Amino acid sequence: MLRGLDTWGENDDEPMIIKAAGREAFDGDVTVYVAESLSSESHERFRAVRDGFDRLEAAEVVDGVSVVTWPTEVDAPTDGPENEVVATYDEFVESVGTDALEPFFEAETGADDHERTVTMPDICITVRDEGELTGLYPKRDGSATQSVEDCLAALAMGDRVENVA
């Protein structure tokens, strides 16, 4: 009986073990948000995340992953039509609260209270079930941080990735 798969990434020194036996099927939709402009360090991190999801897809753990680019920083009026990125940020705040998003996401209101600046992380993962946000990475849960790498590891091991109440 097959219990797991060892898959190798670009650098053959870091295997990803994917649990195959005794796992519940994952039936969510995964989206990876990535900043339009990445530092070389963040680019390598994104490549590792993308490679991890490629391996999870090959092992049939996830059924496709959407990748969406977003600006790192958005200036948006508080009294006008809402920018899509700001709407996504507001959904996250509504789902988990501002404290859980800091320091990964930040929002500052301008001096005249008619504009705000929202700063997004370089990489973010959401998990949705029938359109409803059920998982968000990165975020804080008390003093613990739940990173995008934690999401990948949980999916590989067949653990729950739903961390939004």
Protein backbone atom coordinates (compact mmCIF):
# COMPACT_ATOMS: atom_id res chain seq x y z
CA MET A 1 0.00 0.00 0.00
CA LEU A 2 1.30 3.44 -0.97
CA ARG A 3 1.57 5.71 2.06
CA GLY A 4 3.30 8.73 0.57
CA LEU A 5 5.22 10.17 -2.32
CA ASP A 6 8.64 11.77 -2.21
CA THR A 7 8.82 14.38 -4.91
CA TRP A 8 11.84 16.47 -5.72
CA GLY A 9 11.95 20.13 -6.55
CA GLU A 10 14.42 22.20 -8.52
CA ASN A 11 17.18 21.72 -5.95
CA ASP A 12 17.27 18.00 -5.38
CA ASP A 13 18.16 18.48 -1.73
CA GLU A 14 14.64 19.45 -0.62
CA PRO A 15 12.07 16.68 -1.09
CA MET A 16 8.39 17.32 -0.49
CA ILE A 17 6.70 14.32 1.07
CA ILE A 18 3.07 14.08 0.02
CA LYS A 19 0.89 11.83 2.15
CA ALA A 20 -1.14 9.55 -0.11
CA ALA A 21 -2.86 7.06 2.22
CA GLY A 22 -5.54 7.84 4.77
CA ARG A 23 -6.14 11.40 3.75
CA GLU A 24 -9.40 13.20 3.18
CA ALA A 25 -9.91 14.60 -0.29
CA PHE A 26 -9.23 18.32 -0.59
CA ASP A 27 -12.06 20.03 -2.40
CA GLY A 28 -11.18 23.71 -2.16
CA ASP A 29 -10.09 26.34 -4.64
CA VAL A 30 -6.57 27.68 -4.17
CA THR A 31 -5.34 31.07 -5.32
CA VAL A 32 -1.78 32.29 -5.00
CA TYR A 33 -1.47 36.07 -5.03
CA VAL A 34 1.94 37.39 -5.98
CA ALA A 35 3.27 40.93 -6.13
CA GLU A 36 3.84 42.40 -9.59
CA SER A 37 7.42 43.26 -8.65
CA LEU A 38 9.45 40.88 -6.50
CA SER A 39 12.90 41.10 -4.96
CA SER A 40 15.24 38.27 -5.95
CA GLU A 41 14.64 36.66 -2.53
CA SER A 42 10.85 36.86 -2.90
CA HIS A 43 11.11 35.60 -6.48
CA GLU A 44 12.95 32.48 -5.26
CA ARG A 45 10.34 32.02 -2.56
CA PHE A 46 7.54 32.32 -5.11
CA ARG A 47 9.29 29.82 -7.37
CA ALA A 48 9.43 27.36 -4.44
CA VAL A 49 5.72 27.92 -3.69
CA ARG A 50 4.78 27.47 -7.35
CA ASP A 51 6.95 24.33 -7.55
CA GLY A 52 5.26 22.95 -4.42
CA PHE A 53 1.82 23.46 -5.91
CA ASP A 54 2.97 21.88 -9.18
CA ARG A 55 3.94 18.78 -7.19
CA LEU A 56 0.63 18.80 -5.30
CA GLU A 57 -1.23 19.01 -8.62
CA ALA A 58 0.85 16.15 -10.08
CA ALA A 59 -0.03 14.05 -7.01
CA GLU A 60 -3.70 14.99 -7.52
CA VAL A 61 -3.96 16.64 -4.11
CA VAL A 62 -5.19 19.92 -5.59
CA ASP A 63 -7.05 20.37 -8.82
CA GLY A 64 -5.48 23.48 -10.28
CA VAL A 65 -4.17 26.62 -8.66
CA SER A 66 -4.97 30.14 -9.82
CA VAL A 67 -2.17 32.71 -9.77
CA VAL A 68 -3.13 36.37 -9.53
CA THR A 69 -0.69 39.28 -9.57
CA TRP A 70 -1.34 42.33 -7.47
CA PRO A 71 0.47 45.56 -6.71
CA THR A 72 2.40 45.69 -3.47
CA GLU A 73 0.79 49.00 -2.59
CA VAL A 74 -2.54 50.52 -3.58
CA ASP A 75 -3.77 54.06 -3.00
CA ALA A 76 -7.55 54.11 -2.99
CA PRO A 77 -10.17 56.72 -2.13
CA THR A 78 -12.29 55.85 0.88
CA ASP A 79 -15.36 57.47 -0.64
CA GLY A 80 -15.16 56.27 -4.25
CA PRO A 81 -15.41 53.02 -6.16
CA GLU A 82 -13.39 50.29 -4.51
CA ASN A 83 -10.30 48.87 -6.15
CA GLU A 84 -10.37 45.05 -6.56
CA VAL A 85 -7.21 44.60 -4.47
CA VAL A 86 -8.61 46.81 -1.71
CA ALA A 87 -11.88 44.85 -1.83
CA THR A 88 -9.87 41.65 -1.36
CA TYR A 89 -8.04 43.20 1.60
CA ASP A 90 -11.37 44.30 3.11
CA GLU A 91 -12.71 40.75 2.74
CA PHE A 92 -9.66 39.46 4.63
CA VAL A 93 -10.18 42.04 7.41
CA GLU A 94 -13.84 41.07 7.68
CA SER A 95 -12.94 37.37 7.86
CA VAL A 96 -9.99 37.38 10.28
CA GLY A 97 -9.61 40.92 11.66
CA THR A 98 -6.84 43.47 11.27
CA ASP A 99 -4.63 42.03 14.02
CA ALA A 100 -4.37 38.66 12.26
CA LEU A 101 -3.20 40.37 9.06
CA GLU A 102 -0.45 42.52 10.55
CA PRO A 103 2.43 42.84 9.78
CA PHE A 104 1.86 41.09 6.43
CA PHE A 105 -0.88 43.48 5.28
CA GLU A 106 -1.11 47.13 6.26
CA ALA A 107 -3.64 49.89 5.71
CA GLU A 108 -3.09 53.55 6.47
CA THR A 109 -5.61 56.34 6.13
CA GLY A 110 -4.38 59.56 4.55
CA ALA A 111 -4.25 62.89 6.34
CA ASP A 112 -7.63 63.98 4.97
CA ASP A 113 -9.39 60.64 5.70
CA HIS A 114 -10.48 60.42 2.06
CA GLU A 115 -7.74 58.12 0.89
CA ARG A 116 -6.03 55.07 2.24
CA THR A 117 -2.95 53.13 1.28
CA VAL A 118 -3.12 49.35 1.46
CA THR A 119 0.11 47.33 1.42
CA MET A 120 -0.09 43.69 0.37
CA PRO A 121 2.45 40.90 1.00
CA ASP A 122 4.66 39.60 -1.79
CA ILE A 123 2.96 36.19 -1.64
CA CYS A 124 -0.43 35.22 -0.24
CA ILE A 125 -2.51 32.04 -0.52
CA THR A 126 -6.26 31.81 -0.16
CA VAL A 127 -8.38 28.69 0.09
CA ARG A 128 -12.05 28.93 -0.79
CA ASP A 129 -14.93 26.49 -0.49
CA GLU A 130 -17.76 27.35 -2.88
CA GLY A 131 -16.49 30.94 -3.02
CA GLU A 132 -16.26 31.41 0.74
CA LEU A 133 -12.85 32.23 2.21
CA THR A 134 -11.81 29.34 4.47
CA GLY A 135 -8.00 29.62 4.47
CA LEU A 136 -5.63 32.60 4.40
CA TYR A 137 -1.85 32.55 4.47
CA PRO A 138 0.08 34.43 5.80
CA LYS A 139 -1.74 35.46 8.93
CA ARG A 140 -1.21 35.49 12.65
CA ASP A 141 -3.12 33.32 15.07
CA GLY A 142 -2.33 34.82 18.45
CA SER A 143 1.45 34.79 18.68
CA ALA A 144 1.90 32.11 15.99
CA THR A 145 2.41 32.91 12.33
CA GLN A 146 0.77 30.78 9.64
CA SER A 147 2.98 31.14 6.56
CA VAL A 148 2.42 30.24 2.93
CA GLU A 149 4.90 27.39 3.48
CA ASP A 150 2.69 26.13 6.33
CA CYS A 151 -0.21 25.95 3.86
CA LEU A 152 1.86 23.89 1.42
CA ALA A 153 3.05 21.56 4.18
CA ALA A 154 -0.50 21.05 5.48
CA LEU A 155 -1.81 20.24 2.00
CA ALA A 156 1.06 17.78 1.45
CA MET A 157 0.37 15.99 4.73
CA GLY A 158 -3.40 15.91 4.30
CA ASP A 159 -3.95 18.31 7.22
CA ARG A 160 -6.62 20.98 7.34
CA VAL A 161 -5.79 24.29 5.71
CA GLU A 162 -8.98 26.00 6.81
CA ASN A 163 -7.84 28.63 9.32
CA VAL A 164 -10.62 31.22 8.91
CA ALA A 165 -13.49 30.89 11.36
